[in-house]
Amino acid sequence: MKGKILVSACLAGQNCRYDGGNNLDLCIAKMVEEGRAIPVCPEEMGGLPTPRLPCEIKGGDGRDVIAGDAAVWNNRGKNVTGQFVAGAKEILKIARQEGVKAAILKERSPSCGVLNIYDGTFRGVKIPGQGVLAALLAQEGIKIYSEENYSELLR
């Protein structure tokens, strides 16, 4: 793939997961190290701290959040939709500035989920759908992959 790729910063080894950890993928970390990928964390860019309370989308998926028909809540009942949308919009600005055509995002995240997210009950139930950032990038025409299926991007 020519051009830069956006990647979830946690996949590059940055400790920005909700629990303060990461989801290091050595291939993705190498892409960042070589300057071929840009690490981003929508929750941090939206103003949420690390660590932070677990969050899930209730009432739909990221497309519904962008449309105003669903919301992102933390597990203590606080609506954090504004931070998730703000972070996604900041990353979209970066993608436009850098001419990004693809992104590798963390599956099941309420921001970055590509094919699946959690259902909003905080019981570990997965449902089909995209996170807020994934949906916004897809609407922009940026091809999205997860850490589980990005090998086709590298062919």
Foldseek 3Di string as FASTA:
>chain_A
DPFAAEEAQLCLFQQAELARGGNHDPVVVVCVVVVRYDHAHQLVQLPADPNHAAKFKEQAAQVCLVVVRIFIAGPVGDTPSSSNLNSLVVVVVVCVVRVAQEYEYADQHLNARQFWHAHGPPPPHIDGYGHNNNVVCVVVNRHYHYPVPCPVVVD
